[in-house]
Amino acid sequence: VGGLLSLGAGLTSCKEENVCSCDKTYIT
């Protein structure tokens, strides 16, 4: 049971550093 719980927790949490890049476009 302990092994299954730790395996399940490892598979569901794949947090990583992600970067959201934004551009600002002026319409003239």
PDB file of all heavy atoms in Angstrom:
ATOM      1  N   VAL A   1       0.835  -1.194   0.000  1.00  0.00           N
ATOM      2  CA  VAL A   1       0.000   0.000   0.000  1.00  0.00           C
ATOM      3  C   VAL A   1       0.879   1.256   0.000  1.00  0.00           C
ATOM      4  O   VAL A   1       0.619   2.208  -0.743  1.00  0.00           O
ATOM      5  CB  VAL A   1      -0.970   0.004   1.200  1.00  0.00           C
ATOM      6  CG1 VAL A   1      -1.649   1.349   1.349  1.00  0.00           C
ATOM      7  CG2 VAL A   1      -1.997  -1.104   1.044  1.00  0.00           C
ATOM      8  N   GLY A   2       1.928   1.271   0.789  1.00  0.00           N
ATOM      9  CA  GLY A   2       2.843   2.418   0.830  1.00  0.00           C
ATOM     10  C   GLY A   2       3.512   2.648  -0.514  1.00  0.00           C
ATOM     11  O   GLY A   2       3.643   3.782  -0.977  1.00  0.00           O
ATOM     12  N   GLY A   3       3.919   1.579  -1.174  1.00  0.00           N
ATOM     13  CA  GLY A   3       4.536   1.696  -2.493  1.00  0.00           C
ATOM     14  C   GLY A   3       3.572   2.238  -3.526  1.00  0.00           C
ATOM     15  O   GLY A   3       3.928   3.081  -4.341  1.00  0.00           O
ATOM     16  N   LEU A   4       2.337   1.770  -3.496  1.00  0.00           N
ATOM     17  CA  LEU A   4       1.334   2.258  -4.447  1.00  0.00           C
ATOM     18  C   LEU A   4       1.013   3.730  -4.225  1.00  0.00           C
ATOM     19  O   LEU A   4       0.840   4.488  -5.173  1.00  0.00           O
ATOM     20  CB  LEU A   4       0.060   1.411  -4.363  1.00  0.00           C
ATOM     21  CG  LEU A   4       0.175  -0.017  -4.901  1.00  0.00           C
ATOM     22  CD1 LEU A   4      -1.111  -0.789  -4.624  1.00  0.00           C
ATOM     23  CD2 LEU A   4       0.479  -0.001  -6.387  1.00  0.00           C
ATOM     24  N   LEU A   5       0.928   4.137  -2.964  1.00  0.00           N
ATOM     25  CA  LEU A   5       0.646   5.535  -2.670  1.00  0.00           C
ATOM     26  C   LEU A   5       1.776   6.448  -3.143  1.00  0.00           C
ATOM     27  O   LEU A   5       1.523   7.509  -3.718  1.00  0.00           O
ATOM     28  CB  LEU A   5       0.403   5.733  -1.177  1.00  0.00           C
ATOM     29  CG  LEU A   5      -0.926   5.202  -0.640  1.00  0.00           C
ATOM     30  CD1 LEU A   5      -0.969   5.352   0.875  1.00  0.00           C
ATOM     31  CD2 LEU A   5      -2.099   5.918  -1.278  1.00  0.00           C
ATOM     32  N   SER A   6       3.015   6.063  -2.912  1.00  0.00           N
ATOM     33  CA  SER A   6       4.131   6.900  -3.339  1.00  0.00           C
ATOM     34  C   SER A   6       4.246   6.930  -4.861  1.00  0.00           C
ATOM     35  O   SER A   6       4.572   7.960  -5.444  1.00  0.00           O
ATOM     36  CB  SER A   6       5.440   6.446  -2.703  1.00  0.00           C
ATOM     37  OG  SER A   6       5.782   5.150  -3.167  1.00  0.00           O
ATOM     38  N   LEU A   7       3.936   5.846  -5.525  1.00  0.00           N
ATOM     39  CA  LEU A   7       3.950   5.806  -6.982  1.00  0.00           C
ATOM     40  C   LEU A   7       2.864   6.722  -7.541  1.00  0.00           C
ATOM     41  O   LEU A   7       3.107   7.501  -8.457  1.00  0.00           O
ATOM     42  CB  LEU A   7       3.745   4.376  -7.488  1.00  0.00           C
ATOM     43  CG  LEU A   7       3.693   4.204  -9.005  1.00  0.00           C
ATOM     44  CD1 LEU A   7       5.032   4.573  -9.616  1.00  0.00           C
ATOM     45  CD2 LEU A   7       3.323   2.775  -9.361  1.00  0.00           C
ATOM     46  N   GLY A   8       1.677   6.648  -6.977  1.00  0.00           N
ATOM     47  CA  GLY A   8       0.571   7.497  -7.423  1.00  0.00           C
ATOM     48  C   GLY A   8       0.866   8.971  -7.209  1.00  0.00           C
ATOM     49  O   GLY A   8       0.581   9.804  -8.058  1.00  0.00           O
ATOM     50  N   ALA A   9       1.453   9.320  -6.100  1.00  0.00           N
ATOM     51  CA  ALA A   9       1.782  10.719  -5.820  1.00  0.00           C
ATOM     52  C   ALA A   9       2.842  11.228  -6.793  1.00  0.00           C
ATOM     53  O   ALA A   9       2.790  12.369  -7.247  1.00  0.00           O
ATOM     54  CB  ALA A   9       2.264  10.870  -4.382  1.00  0.00           C
ATOM     55  N   GLY A  10       3.789  10.382  -7.144  1.00  0.00           N
ATOM     56  CA  GLY A  10       4.836  10.774  -8.082  1.00  0.00           C
ATOM     57  C   GLY A  10       4.313  10.994  -9.482  1.00  0.00           C
ATOM     58  O   GLY A  10       4.787  11.860 -10.211  1.00  0.00           O
ATOM     59  N   LEU A  11       3.306  10.254  -9.889  1.00  0.00           N
ATOM     60  CA  LEU A  11       2.766  10.381 -11.236  1.00  0.00           C
ATOM     61  C   LEU A  11       1.836  11.579 -11.387  1.00  0.00           C
ATOM     62  O   LEU A  11       1.714  12.138 -12.471  1.00  0.00           O
ATOM     63  CB  LEU A  11       2.016   9.104 -11.631  1.00  0.00           C
ATOM     64  CG  LEU A  11       2.872   7.853 -11.828  1.00  0.00           C
ATOM     65  CD1 LEU A  11       1.987   6.658 -12.122  1.00  0.00           C
ATOM     66  CD2 LEU A  11       3.866   8.057 -12.948  1.00  0.00           C
ATOM     67  N   THR A  12       1.177  11.982 -10.335  1.00  0.00           N
ATOM     68  CA  THR A  12       0.191  13.055 -10.449  1.00  0.00           C
ATOM     69  C   THR A  12       0.805  14.443 -10.286  1.00  0.00           C
ATOM     70  O   THR A  12       0.198  15.411 -10.688  1.00  0.00           O
ATOM     71  CB  THR A  12      -0.930  12.888  -9.412  1.00  0.00           C
ATOM     72  OG1 THR A  12      -0.357  12.893  -8.109  1.00  0.00           O
ATOM     73  CG2 THR A  12      -1.701  11.616  -9.638  1.00  0.00           C
ATOM     74  N   SER A  13       1.977  14.559  -9.720  1.00  0.00           N
ATOM     75  CA  SER A  13       2.563  15.870  -9.471  1.00  0.00           C
ATOM     76  C   SER A  13       3.807  16.059 -10.324  1.00  0.00           C
ATOM     77  O   SER A  13       4.889  15.651  -9.943  1.00  0.00           O
ATOM     78  CB  SER A  13       2.917  15.998  -7.985  1.00  0.00           C
ATOM     79  OG  SER A  13       3.507  17.243  -7.762  1.00  0.00           O
ATOM     80  N   CYS A  14       3.665  16.682 -11.484  1.00  0.00           N
ATOM     81  CA  CYS A  14       4.788  16.933 -12.385  1.00  0.00           C
ATOM     82  C   CYS A  14       4.991  18.431 -12.517  1.00  0.00           C
ATOM     83  O   CYS A  14       4.967  18.985 -13.610  1.00  0.00           O
ATOM     84  CB  CYS A  14       4.533  16.309 -13.752  1.00  0.00           C
ATOM     85  SG  CYS A  14       4.419  14.528 -13.708  1.00  0.00           S
ATOM     86  N   LYS A  15       5.148  19.106 -11.401  1.00  0.00           N
ATOM     87  CA  LYS A  15       5.328  20.553 -11.433  1.00  0.00           C
ATOM     88  C   LYS A  15       6.734  20.866 -11.913  1.00  0.00           C
ATOM     89  O   LYS A  15       7.691  20.199 -11.566  1.00  0.00           O
ATOM     90  CB  LYS A  15       5.100  21.160 -10.060  1.00  0.00           C
ATOM     91  CG  LYS A  15       3.664  21.096  -9.631  1.00  0.00           C
ATOM     92  CD  LYS A  15       3.447  21.794  -8.323  1.00  0.00           C
ATOM     93  CE  LYS A  15       1.981  21.725  -7.957  1.00  0.00           C
ATOM     94  NZ  LYS A  15       1.704  22.456  -6.733  1.00  0.00           N
ATOM     95  N   GLU A  16       6.820  21.891 -12.746  1.00  0.00           N
ATOM     96  CA  GLU A  16       8.100  22.335 -13.270  1.00  0.00           C
ATOM     97  C   GLU A  16       8.036  23.837 -13.484  1.00  0.00           C
ATOM     98  O   GLU A  16       6.972  24.440 -13.449  1.00  0.00           O
ATOM     99  CB  GLU A  16       8.425  21.618 -14.577  1.00  0.00           C
ATOM    100  CG  GLU A  16       7.378  21.808 -15.646  1.00  0.00           C
ATOM    101  CD  GLU A  16       7.628  20.979 -16.880  1.00  0.00           C
ATOM    102  OE1 GLU A  16       7.866  19.775 -16.749  1.00  0.00           O
ATOM    103  OE2 GLU A  16       7.585  21.558 -17.963  1.00  0.00           O
ATOM    104  N   GLU A  17       9.172  24.422 -13.716  1.00  0.00           N
ATOM    105  CA  GLU A  17       9.242  25.861 -13.974  1.00  0.00           C
ATOM    106  C   GLU A  17       8.852  26.119 -15.427  1.00  0.00           C
ATOM    107  O   GLU A  17       9.476  25.614 -16.343  1.00  0.00           O
ATOM    108  CB  GLU A  17      10.658  26.370 -13.711  1.00  0.00           C
ATOM    109  CG  GLU A  17      10.816  27.860 -13.859  1.00  0.00           C
ATOM    110  CD  GLU A  17      10.190  28.645 -12.723  1.00  0.00           C
ATOM    111  OE1 GLU A  17       9.964  28.078 -11.632  1.00  0.00           O
ATOM    112  OE2 GLU A  17       9.910  29.825 -12.923  1.00  0.00           O
ATOM    113  N   ASN A  18       7.794  26.883 -15.629  1.00  0.00           N
ATOM    114  CA  ASN A  18       7.320  27.259 -16.961  1.00  0.00           C
ATOM    115  C   ASN A  18       7.386  28.772 -17.078  1.00  0.00           C
ATOM    116  O   ASN A  18       7.158  29.490 -16.108  1.00  0.00           O
ATOM    117  CB  ASN A  18       5.860  26.817 -17.165  1.00  0.00           C
ATOM    118  CG  ASN A  18       5.726  25.318 -17.143  1.00  0.00           C
ATOM    119  OD1 ASN A  18       6.060  24.646 -18.088  1.00  0.00           O
ATOM    120  ND2 ASN A  18       5.239  24.777 -16.035  1.00  0.00           N
ATOM    121  N   VAL A  19       7.671  29.279 -18.272  1.00  0.00           N
ATOM    122  CA  VAL A  19       7.771  30.715 -18.485  1.00  0.00           C
ATOM    123  C   VAL A  19       6.730  31.150 -19.511  1.00  0.00           C
ATOM    124  O   VAL A  19       6.660  30.607 -20.610  1.00  0.00           O
ATOM    125  CB  VAL A  19       9.183  31.117 -18.969  1.00  0.00           C
ATOM    126  CG1 VAL A  19       9.245  32.609 -19.255  1.00  0.00           C
ATOM    127  CG2 VAL A  19      10.217  30.732 -17.938  1.00  0.00           C
ATOM    128  N   CYS A  20       5.933  32.118 -19.116  1.00  0.00           N
ATOM    129  CA  CYS A  20       4.919  32.715 -19.979  1.00  0.00           C
ATOM    130  C   CYS A  20       5.507  34.009 -20.538  1.00  0.00           C
ATOM    131  O   CYS A  20       5.851  34.914 -19.791  1.00  0.00           O
ATOM    132  CB  CYS A  20       3.661  33.001 -19.153  1.00  0.00           C
ATOM    133  SG  CYS A  20       2.352  33.819 -20.070  1.00  0.00           S
ATOM    134  N   SER A  21       5.650  34.075 -21.850  1.00  0.00           N
ATOM    135  CA  SER A  21       6.241  35.235 -22.514  1.00  0.00           C
ATOM    136  C   SER A  21       5.139  36.056 -23.178  1.00  0.00           C
ATOM    137  O   SER A  21       4.329  35.513 -23.928  1.00  0.00           O
ATOM    138  CB  SER A  21       7.243  34.761 -23.566  1.00  0.00           C
ATOM    139  OG  SER A  21       7.705  35.842 -24.325  1.00  0.00           O
ATOM    140  N   CYS A  22       5.112  37.361 -22.895  1.00  0.00           N
ATOM    141  CA  CYS A  22       4.062  38.231 -23.429  1.00  0.00           C
ATOM    142  C   CYS A  22       4.665  39.327 -24.307  1.00  0.00           C
ATOM    143  O   CYS A  22       5.687  39.912 -23.964  1.00  0.00           O
ATOM    144  CB  CYS A  22       3.281  38.876 -22.293  1.00  0.00           C
ATOM    145  SG  CYS A  22       2.446  37.687 -21.235  1.00  0.00           S
ATOM    146  N   ASP A  23       4.006  39.584 -25.431  1.00  0.00           N
ATOM    147  CA  ASP A  23       4.369  40.678 -26.333  1.00  0.00           C
ATOM    148  C   ASP A  23       3.252  41.702 -26.324  1.00  0.00           C
ATOM    149  O   ASP A  23       2.075  41.359 -26.254  1.00  0.00           O
ATOM    150  CB  ASP A  23       4.553  40.169 -27.775  1.00  0.00           C
ATOM    151  CG  ASP A  23       5.765  39.272 -27.929  1.00  0.00           C
ATOM    152  OD1 ASP A  23       6.764  39.494 -27.222  1.00  0.00           O
ATOM    153  OD2 ASP A  23       5.709  38.359 -28.773  1.00  0.00           O
ATOM    154  N   LYS A  24       3.642  42.958 -26.425  1.00  0.00           N
ATOM    155  CA  LYS A  24       2.672  44.058 -26.485  1.00  0.00           C
ATOM    156  C   LYS A  24       2.744  44.634 -27.902  1.00  0.00           C
ATOM    157  O   LYS A  24       3.802  45.067 -28.346  1.00  0.00           O
ATOM    158  CB  LYS A  24       3.026  45.119 -25.443  1.00  0.00           C
ATOM    159  CG  LYS A  24       1.978  46.182 -25.257  1.00  0.00           C
ATOM    160  CD  LYS A  24       2.372  47.083 -24.080  1.00  0.00           C
ATOM    161  CE  LYS A  24       1.238  47.985 -23.656  1.00  0.00           C
ATOM    162  NZ  LYS A  24       1.625  48.794 -22.486  1.00  0.00           N
ATOM    163  N   THR A  25       1.624  44.616 -28.599  1.00  0.00           N
ATOM    164  CA  THR A  25       1.575  45.086 -29.977  1.00  0.00           C
ATOM    165  C   THR A  25       0.719  46.342 -30.055  1.00  0.00           C
ATOM    166  O   THR A  25      -0.458  46.311 -29.704  1.00  0.00           O
ATOM    167  CB  THR A  25       0.975  44.003 -30.901  1.00  0.00           C
ATOM    168  OG1 THR A  25       1.711  42.799 -30.751  1.00  0.00           O
ATOM    169  CG2 THR A  25       1.004  44.445 -32.351  1.00  0.00           C
ATOM    170  N   TYR A  26       1.337  47.437 -30.504  1.00  0.00           N
ATOM    171  CA  TYR A  26       0.608  48.686 -30.725  1.00  0.00           C
ATOM    172  C   TYR A  26       0.144  48.731 -32.168  1.00  0.00           C
ATOM    173  O   TYR A  26       0.909  48.455 -33.082  1.00  0.00           O
ATOM    174  CB  TYR A  26       1.495  49.902 -30.441  1.00  0.00           C
ATOM    175  CG  TYR A  26       1.609  50.208 -28.973  1.00  0.00           C
ATOM    176  CD1 TYR A  26       2.699  49.774 -28.241  1.00  0.00           C
ATOM    177  CD2 TYR A  26       0.618  50.923 -28.323  1.00  0.00           C
ATOM    178  CE1 TYR A  26       2.803  50.053 -26.893  1.00  0.00           C
ATOM    179  CE2 TYR A  26       0.712  51.200 -26.970  1.00  0.00           C
ATOM    180  CZ  TYR A  26       1.805  50.764 -26.270  1.00  0.00           C
ATOM    181  OH  TYR A  26       1.896  51.030 -24.932  1.00  0.00           O
ATOM    182  N   ILE A  27      -1.102  49.078 -32.367  1.00  0.00           N
ATOM    183  CA  ILE A  27      -1.657  49.218 -33.698  1.00  0.00           C
ATOM    184  C   ILE A  27      -1.740  50.712 -33.998  1.00  0.00           C
ATOM    185  O   ILE A  27      -2.411  51.462 -33.286  1.00  0.00           O
ATOM    186  CB  ILE A  27      -3.044  48.550 -33.799  1.00  0.00           C
ATOM    187  CG1 ILE A  27      -2.884  47.053 -33.591  1.00  0.00           C
ATOM    188  CG2 ILE A  27      -3.682  48.805 -35.144  1.00  0.00           C
ATOM    189  CD1 ILE A  27      -3.746  46.479 -32.567  1.00  0.00           C
ATOM    190  N   THR A  28      -1.023  51.130 -35.037  1.00  0.00           N
ATOM    191  CA  THR A  28      -0.987  52.543 -35.397  1.00  0.00           C
ATOM    192  C   THR A  28      -1.484  52.713 -36.827  1.00  0.00           C
ATOM    193  O   THR A  28      -1.754  51.738 -37.519  1.00  0.00           O
ATOM    194  CB  THR A  28       0.456  53.092 -35.290  1.00  0.00           C
ATOM    195  OG1 THR A  28       1.264  52.408 -36.242  1.00  0.00           O
ATOM    196  CG2 THR A  28       1.024  52.906 -33.904  1.00  0.00           C
TER     197      THR A  28
END
